Amino acid sequence: MKKASGNGGHRPRYITPEGEQALREELQFLWKEKRPEVTQAVREAAALGDRSENAEYIYGKKQLREIDRRVRFLTKRLEEVTVVDRLPDDQEKVFFGAWVTIEDEDGEEQTYRLVGADEFDLNRGYLSINSPMARALIGKRLDDEVSVRTPEGFKSVWITGIRYGSAPQDK
């Protein structure tokens, strides 16, 4: 297992196949399209003369550094992650990749997919597997009550749905 940074323990870095594909597409775009485009712009700006006061040149070099930093990160990250591309044996329990619908004490429902840290996006309903809510949901079953520590104190939610596969139609 790989050591996850900042938590002091060993934890695998899981990712869904869709998440891995998104990282690969970003890497491909940066390396094959964006970087050559910015390199050409820097080349053209450098041809204009004095580079010390050439804003386009300075900005372009900064962009190249940021692109290169992201390319290095993505390359390393793709080597570290473990793609979870099979369904769990017991699909009645919450595991990585599950879509989980929970209901809070006020009767409000929310649906989340438990994904890797690189994929989390609450606007899409993607909840990091490392979040307190996701950790509390792992291994639970339909109708289980789950208590989660929040900044406001403990919060209880009930699992009203568990499914695996693509996004729900209403998302």
C-alpha atoms as a PDB file:
ATOM      1  CA  MET A   1       0.000   0.000   0.000  1.00  0.00           C
ATOM      2  CA  LYS A   2       1.054   3.556  -0.553  1.00  0.00           C
ATOM      3  CA  LYS A   3       1.355   6.103   2.211  1.00  0.00           C
ATOM      4  CA  ALA A   4      -1.271   8.818   1.870  1.00  0.00           C
ATOM      5  CA  SER A   5       0.235  12.210   2.492  1.00  0.00           C
ATOM      6  CA  GLY A   6      -0.750  14.108   5.572  1.00  0.00           C
ATOM      7  CA  ASN A   7      -2.620  11.382   7.435  1.00  0.00           C
ATOM      8  CA  GLY A   8       0.324   9.512   8.944  1.00  0.00           C
ATOM      9  CA  GLY A   9      -1.070   6.130   7.924  1.00  0.00           C
ATOM     10  CA  HIS A  10      -1.098   3.762   5.018  1.00  0.00           C
ATOM     11  CA  ARG A  11      -4.108   4.001   2.762  1.00  0.00           C
ATOM     12  CA  PRO A  12      -4.510   2.948  -0.862  1.00  0.00           C
ATOM     13  CA  ARG A  13      -5.362   5.710  -3.294  1.00  0.00           C
ATOM     14  CA  TYR A  14      -8.456   4.434  -5.035  1.00  0.00           C
ATOM     15  CA  ILE A  15      -9.966   5.901  -8.163  1.00  0.00           C
ATOM     16  CA  THR A  16     -12.879   4.936 -10.379  1.00  0.00           C
ATOM     17  CA  PRO A  17     -12.246   4.063 -14.043  1.00  0.00           C
ATOM     18  CA  GLU A  18     -13.991   7.327 -15.001  1.00  0.00           C
ATOM     19  CA  GLY A  19     -11.721   9.277 -12.657  1.00  0.00           C
ATOM     20  CA  GLU A  20      -8.603   7.655 -14.099  1.00  0.00           C
ATOM     21  CA  GLN A  21      -9.817   8.443 -17.616  1.00  0.00           C
ATOM     22  CA  ALA A  22     -10.399  12.095 -16.677  1.00  0.00           C
ATOM     23  CA  LEU A  23      -6.849  12.390 -15.280  1.00  0.00           C
ATOM     24  CA  ARG A  24      -5.407  10.750 -18.416  1.00  0.00           C
ATOM     25  CA  GLU A  25      -7.403  13.109 -20.662  1.00  0.00           C
ATOM     26  CA  GLU A  26      -6.197  16.142 -18.702  1.00  0.00           C
ATOM     27  CA  LEU A  27      -2.599  14.929 -18.958  1.00  0.00           C
ATOM     28  CA  GLN A  28      -2.967  14.317 -22.693  1.00  0.00           C
ATOM     29  CA  PHE A  29      -4.520  17.772 -23.241  1.00  0.00           C
ATOM     30  CA  LEU A  30      -1.815  19.557 -21.262  1.00  0.00           C
ATOM     31  CA  TRP A  31       1.056  17.692 -22.911  1.00  0.00           C
ATOM     32  CA  LYS A  32      -0.169  17.470 -26.505  1.00  0.00           C
ATOM     33  CA  GLU A  33      -2.232  20.654 -26.895  1.00  0.00           C
ATOM     34  CA  LYS A  34      -1.813  23.294 -24.183  1.00  0.00           C
ATOM     35  CA  ARG A  35       1.945  23.056 -23.651  1.00  0.00           C
ATOM     36  CA  PRO A  36       2.844  23.293 -27.381  1.00  0.00           C
ATOM     37  CA  GLU A  37       0.442  26.238 -27.727  1.00  0.00           C
ATOM     38  CA  VAL A  38       2.010  28.118 -24.791  1.00  0.00           C
ATOM     39  CA  THR A  39       5.532  27.208 -25.951  1.00  0.00           C
ATOM     40  CA  GLN A  40       4.798  28.781 -29.340  1.00  0.00           C
ATOM     41  CA  ALA A  41       3.429  31.917 -27.670  1.00  0.00           C
ATOM     42  CA  VAL A  42       6.598  32.198 -25.533  1.00  0.00           C
ATOM     43  CA  ARG A  43       8.746  31.695 -28.629  1.00  0.00           C
ATOM     44  CA  GLU A  44       6.886  34.504 -30.413  1.00  0.00           C
ATOM     45  CA  ALA A  45       7.092  36.807 -27.387  1.00  0.00           C
ATOM     46  CA  ALA A  46      10.842  36.132 -27.051  1.00  0.00           C
ATOM     47  CA  ALA A  47      11.347  37.164 -30.651  1.00  0.00           C
ATOM     48  CA  LEU A  48       9.999  40.620 -29.838  1.00  0.00           C
ATOM     49  CA  GLY A  49      13.179  41.598 -28.027  1.00  0.00           C
ATOM     50  CA  ASP A  50      13.852  42.596 -24.412  1.00  0.00           C
ATOM     51  CA  ARG A  51      12.516  39.734 -22.286  1.00  0.00           C
ATOM     52  CA  SER A  52      12.890  41.482 -18.930  1.00  0.00           C
ATOM     53  CA  GLU A  53       9.981  43.839 -19.620  1.00  0.00           C
ATOM     54  CA  ASN A  54       8.010  41.617 -21.985  1.00  0.00           C
ATOM     55  CA  ALA A  55       4.762  40.756 -20.161  1.00  0.00           C
ATOM     56  CA  GLU A  56       3.724  38.113 -22.699  1.00  0.00           C
ATOM     57  CA  TYR A  57       7.071  36.359 -22.360  1.00  0.00           C
ATOM     58  CA  ILE A  58       7.031  36.475 -18.541  1.00  0.00           C
ATOM     59  CA  TYR A  59       3.410  35.297 -18.343  1.00  0.00           C
ATOM     60  CA  GLY A  60       4.055  32.536 -20.884  1.00  0.00           C
ATOM     61  CA  LYS A  61       7.048  31.226 -18.908  1.00  0.00           C
ATOM     62  CA  LYS A  62       4.898  31.220 -15.773  1.00  0.00           C
ATOM     63  CA  GLN A  63       2.182  29.273 -17.604  1.00  0.00           C
ATOM     64  CA  LEU A  64       4.767  26.737 -18.793  1.00  0.00           C
ATOM     65  CA  ARG A  65       5.988  26.208 -15.226  1.00  0.00           C
ATOM     66  CA  GLU A  66       2.400  25.651 -14.043  1.00  0.00           C
ATOM     67  CA  ILE A  67       1.684  23.235 -16.908  1.00  0.00           C
ATOM     68  CA  ASP A  68       4.895  21.316 -16.249  1.00  0.00           C
ATOM     69  CA  ARG A  69       4.117  21.126 -12.522  1.00  0.00           C
ATOM     70  CA  ARG A  70       0.631  19.746 -13.262  1.00  0.00           C
ATOM     71  CA  VAL A  71       2.018  17.272 -15.831  1.00  0.00           C
ATOM     72  CA  ARG A  72       4.514  15.968 -13.247  1.00  0.00           C
ATOM     73  CA  PHE A  73       1.758  15.667 -10.636  1.00  0.00           C
ATOM     74  CA  LEU A  74      -0.625  13.834 -12.977  1.00  0.00           C
ATOM     75  CA  THR A  75       2.081  11.467 -14.218  1.00  0.00           C
ATOM     76  CA  LYS A  76       3.079  10.563 -10.668  1.00  0.00           C
ATOM     77  CA  ARG A  77      -0.520  10.338  -9.495  1.00  0.00           C
ATOM     78  CA  LEU A  78      -1.524   7.954 -12.281  1.00  0.00           C
ATOM     79  CA  GLU A  79       1.314   5.653 -11.204  1.00  0.00           C
ATOM     80  CA  GLU A  80       0.122   5.702  -7.571  1.00  0.00           C
ATOM     81  CA  VAL A  81      -3.621   5.157  -7.880  1.00  0.00           C
ATOM     82  CA  THR A  82      -5.443   1.853  -7.766  1.00  0.00           C
ATOM     83  CA  VAL A  83      -8.322   1.678 -10.242  1.00  0.00           C
ATOM     84  CA  VAL A  84     -11.371  -0.030  -8.756  1.00  0.00           C
ATOM     85  CA  ASP A  85     -13.046  -1.447 -11.833  1.00  0.00           C
ATOM     86  CA  ARG A  86     -15.095  -4.323 -10.465  1.00  0.00           C
ATOM     87  CA  LEU A  87     -18.249  -4.421  -8.426  1.00  0.00           C
ATOM     88  CA  PRO A  88     -18.090  -5.671  -4.833  1.00  0.00           C
ATOM     89  CA  ASP A  89     -19.313  -9.183  -4.107  1.00  0.00           C
ATOM     90  CA  ASP A  90     -21.912  -7.859  -1.638  1.00  0.00           C
ATOM     91  CA  GLN A  91     -23.735  -5.016  -3.392  1.00  0.00           C
ATOM     92  CA  GLU A  92     -26.103  -4.651  -0.439  1.00  0.00           C
ATOM     93  CA  LYS A  93     -23.293  -2.870   1.449  1.00  0.00           C
ATOM     94  CA  VAL A  94     -21.681   0.505   0.843  1.00  0.00           C
ATOM     95  CA  PHE A  95     -18.215   0.273  -0.684  1.00  0.00           C
ATOM     96  CA  PHE A  96     -16.012   2.447  -2.856  1.00  0.00           C
ATOM     97  CA  GLY A  97     -17.799   3.544  -6.033  1.00  0.00           C
ATOM     98  CA  ALA A  98     -21.313   3.137  -4.607  1.00  0.00           C
ATOM     99  CA  TRP A  99     -24.066   5.680  -5.093  1.00  0.00           C
ATOM    100  CA  VAL A 100     -25.532   6.143  -1.609  1.00  0.00           C
ATOM    101  CA  THR A 101     -28.754   7.987  -0.864  1.00  0.00           C
ATOM    102  CA  ILE A 102     -29.029   9.258   2.687  1.00  0.00           C
ATOM    103  CA  GLU A 103     -31.837  10.967   4.551  1.00  0.00           C
ATOM    104  CA  ASP A 104     -31.133  13.375   7.392  1.00  0.00           C
ATOM    105  CA  GLU A 105     -33.171  14.103  10.520  1.00  0.00           C
ATOM    106  CA  ASP A 106     -35.211  16.730   8.603  1.00  0.00           C
ATOM    107  CA  GLY A 107     -36.241  14.197   5.946  1.00  0.00           C
ATOM    108  CA  GLU A 108     -34.004  15.717   3.248  1.00  0.00           C
ATOM    109  CA  GLU A 109     -32.370  13.230   0.892  1.00  0.00           C
ATOM    110  CA  GLN A 110     -29.007  13.543  -0.794  1.00  0.00           C
ATOM    111  CA  THR A 111     -27.221  11.114  -3.087  1.00  0.00           C
ATOM    112  CA  TYR A 112     -23.444  10.771  -3.175  1.00  0.00           C
ATOM    113  CA  ARG A 113     -21.005   8.569  -5.009  1.00  0.00           C
ATOM    114  CA  LEU A 114     -18.000   7.502  -2.946  1.00  0.00           C
ATOM    115  CA  VAL A 115     -14.941   8.259  -5.078  1.00  0.00           C
ATOM    116  CA  GLY A 116     -11.221   8.854  -4.746  1.00  0.00           C
ATOM    117  CA  ALA A 117      -9.785  12.114  -3.473  1.00  0.00           C
ATOM    118  CA  ASP A 118      -8.798  13.108  -7.031  1.00  0.00           C
ATOM    119  CA  GLU A 119     -12.414  12.911  -8.194  1.00  0.00           C
ATOM    120  CA  PHE A 120     -14.400  14.532  -5.433  1.00  0.00           C
ATOM    121  CA  ASP A 121     -16.855  17.162  -6.654  1.00  0.00           C
ATOM    122  CA  LEU A 122     -19.848  17.878  -4.445  1.00  0.00           C
ATOM    123  CA  ASN A 123     -21.629  19.671  -7.308  1.00  0.00           C
ATOM    124  CA  ARG A 124     -21.775  16.307  -9.097  1.00  0.00           C
ATOM    125  CA  GLY A 125     -22.508  14.385  -5.883  1.00  0.00           C
ATOM    126  CA  TYR A 126     -19.001  12.904  -5.738  1.00  0.00           C
ATOM    127  CA  LEU A 127     -17.869  12.498  -2.128  1.00  0.00           C
ATOM    128  CA  SER A 128     -14.245  11.699  -1.276  1.00  0.00           C
ATOM    129  CA  ILE A 129     -13.755   8.274   0.267  1.00  0.00           C
ATOM    130  CA  ASN A 130     -11.534  10.019   2.836  1.00  0.00           C
ATOM    131  CA  SER A 131     -14.288  12.341   4.089  1.00  0.00           C
ATOM    132  CA  PRO A 132     -15.837  11.696   7.500  1.00  0.00           C
ATOM    133  CA  MET A 133     -19.241  11.024   5.903  1.00  0.00           C
ATOM    134  CA  ALA A 134     -17.858   8.474   3.437  1.00  0.00           C
ATOM    135  CA  ARG A 135     -15.809   6.723   6.131  1.00  0.00           C
ATOM    136  CA  ALA A 136     -18.938   6.465   8.286  1.00  0.00           C
ATOM    137  CA  LEU A 137     -20.961   4.994   5.381  1.00  0.00           C
ATOM    138  CA  ILE A 138     -18.459   2.299   4.341  1.00  0.00           C
ATOM    139  CA  GLY A 139     -19.696  -1.207   5.152  1.00  0.00           C
ATOM    140  CA  LYS A 140     -23.192  -0.072   6.111  1.00  0.00           C
ATOM    141  CA  ARG A 141     -26.435  -1.463   4.671  1.00  0.00           C
ATOM    142  CA  LEU A 142     -29.811  -0.148   3.560  1.00  0.00           C
ATOM    143  CA  ASP A 143     -31.818   1.405   6.442  1.00  0.00           C
ATOM    144  CA  ASP A 144     -28.742   1.612   8.709  1.00  0.00           C
ATOM    145  CA  GLU A 145     -28.456   4.717  10.856  1.00  0.00           C
ATOM    146  CA  VAL A 146     -25.071   6.393  10.576  1.00  0.00           C
ATOM    147  CA  SER A 147     -23.693   8.955  12.999  1.00  0.00           C
ATOM    148  CA  VAL A 148     -21.182  11.408  11.568  1.00  0.00           C
ATOM    149  CA  ARG A 149     -19.116  13.991  13.399  1.00  0.00           C
ATOM    150  CA  THR A 150     -19.555  17.436  11.829  1.00  0.00           C
ATOM    151  CA  PRO A 151     -18.265  20.863  12.913  1.00  0.00           C
ATOM    152  CA  GLU A 152     -21.694  21.435  14.516  1.00  0.00           C
ATOM    153  CA  GLY A 153     -21.571  18.132  16.418  1.00  0.00           C
ATOM    154  CA  PHE A 154     -22.799  14.640  15.620  1.00  0.00           C
ATOM    155  CA  LYS A 155     -25.370  14.242  12.858  1.00  0.00           C
ATOM    156  CA  SER A 156     -27.478  11.154  12.177  1.00  0.00           C
ATOM    157  CA  VAL A 157     -28.437  10.030   8.685  1.00  0.00           C
ATOM    158  CA  TRP A 158     -30.186   6.933   7.370  1.00  0.00           C
ATOM    159  CA  ILE A 159     -29.198   5.024   4.259  1.00  0.00           C
ATOM    160  CA  THR A 160     -32.215   4.896   1.949  1.00  0.00           C
ATOM    161  CA  GLY A 161     -30.514   3.663  -1.211  1.00  0.00           C
ATOM    162  CA  ILE A 162     -27.373   1.887  -2.393  1.00  0.00           C
ATOM    163  CA  ARG A 163     -26.545   1.233  -6.032  1.00  0.00           C
ATOM    164  CA  TYR A 164     -23.542   0.636  -8.192  1.00  0.00           C
ATOM    165  CA  GLY A 165     -22.993   1.699 -11.792  1.00  0.00           C
ATOM    166  CA  SER A 166     -23.378   4.935 -13.716  1.00  0.00           C
ATOM    167  CA  ALA A 167     -24.867   8.151 -12.388  1.00  0.00           C
ATOM    168  CA  PRO A 168     -28.546   8.203 -11.462  1.00  0.00           C
ATOM    169  CA  GLN A 169     -30.773   9.586 -14.211  1.00  0.00           C
ATOM    170  CA  ASP A 170     -31.789  12.615 -12.172  1.00  0.00           C
ATOM    171  CA  LYS A 171     -28.187  13.788 -11.659  1.00  0.00           C
END
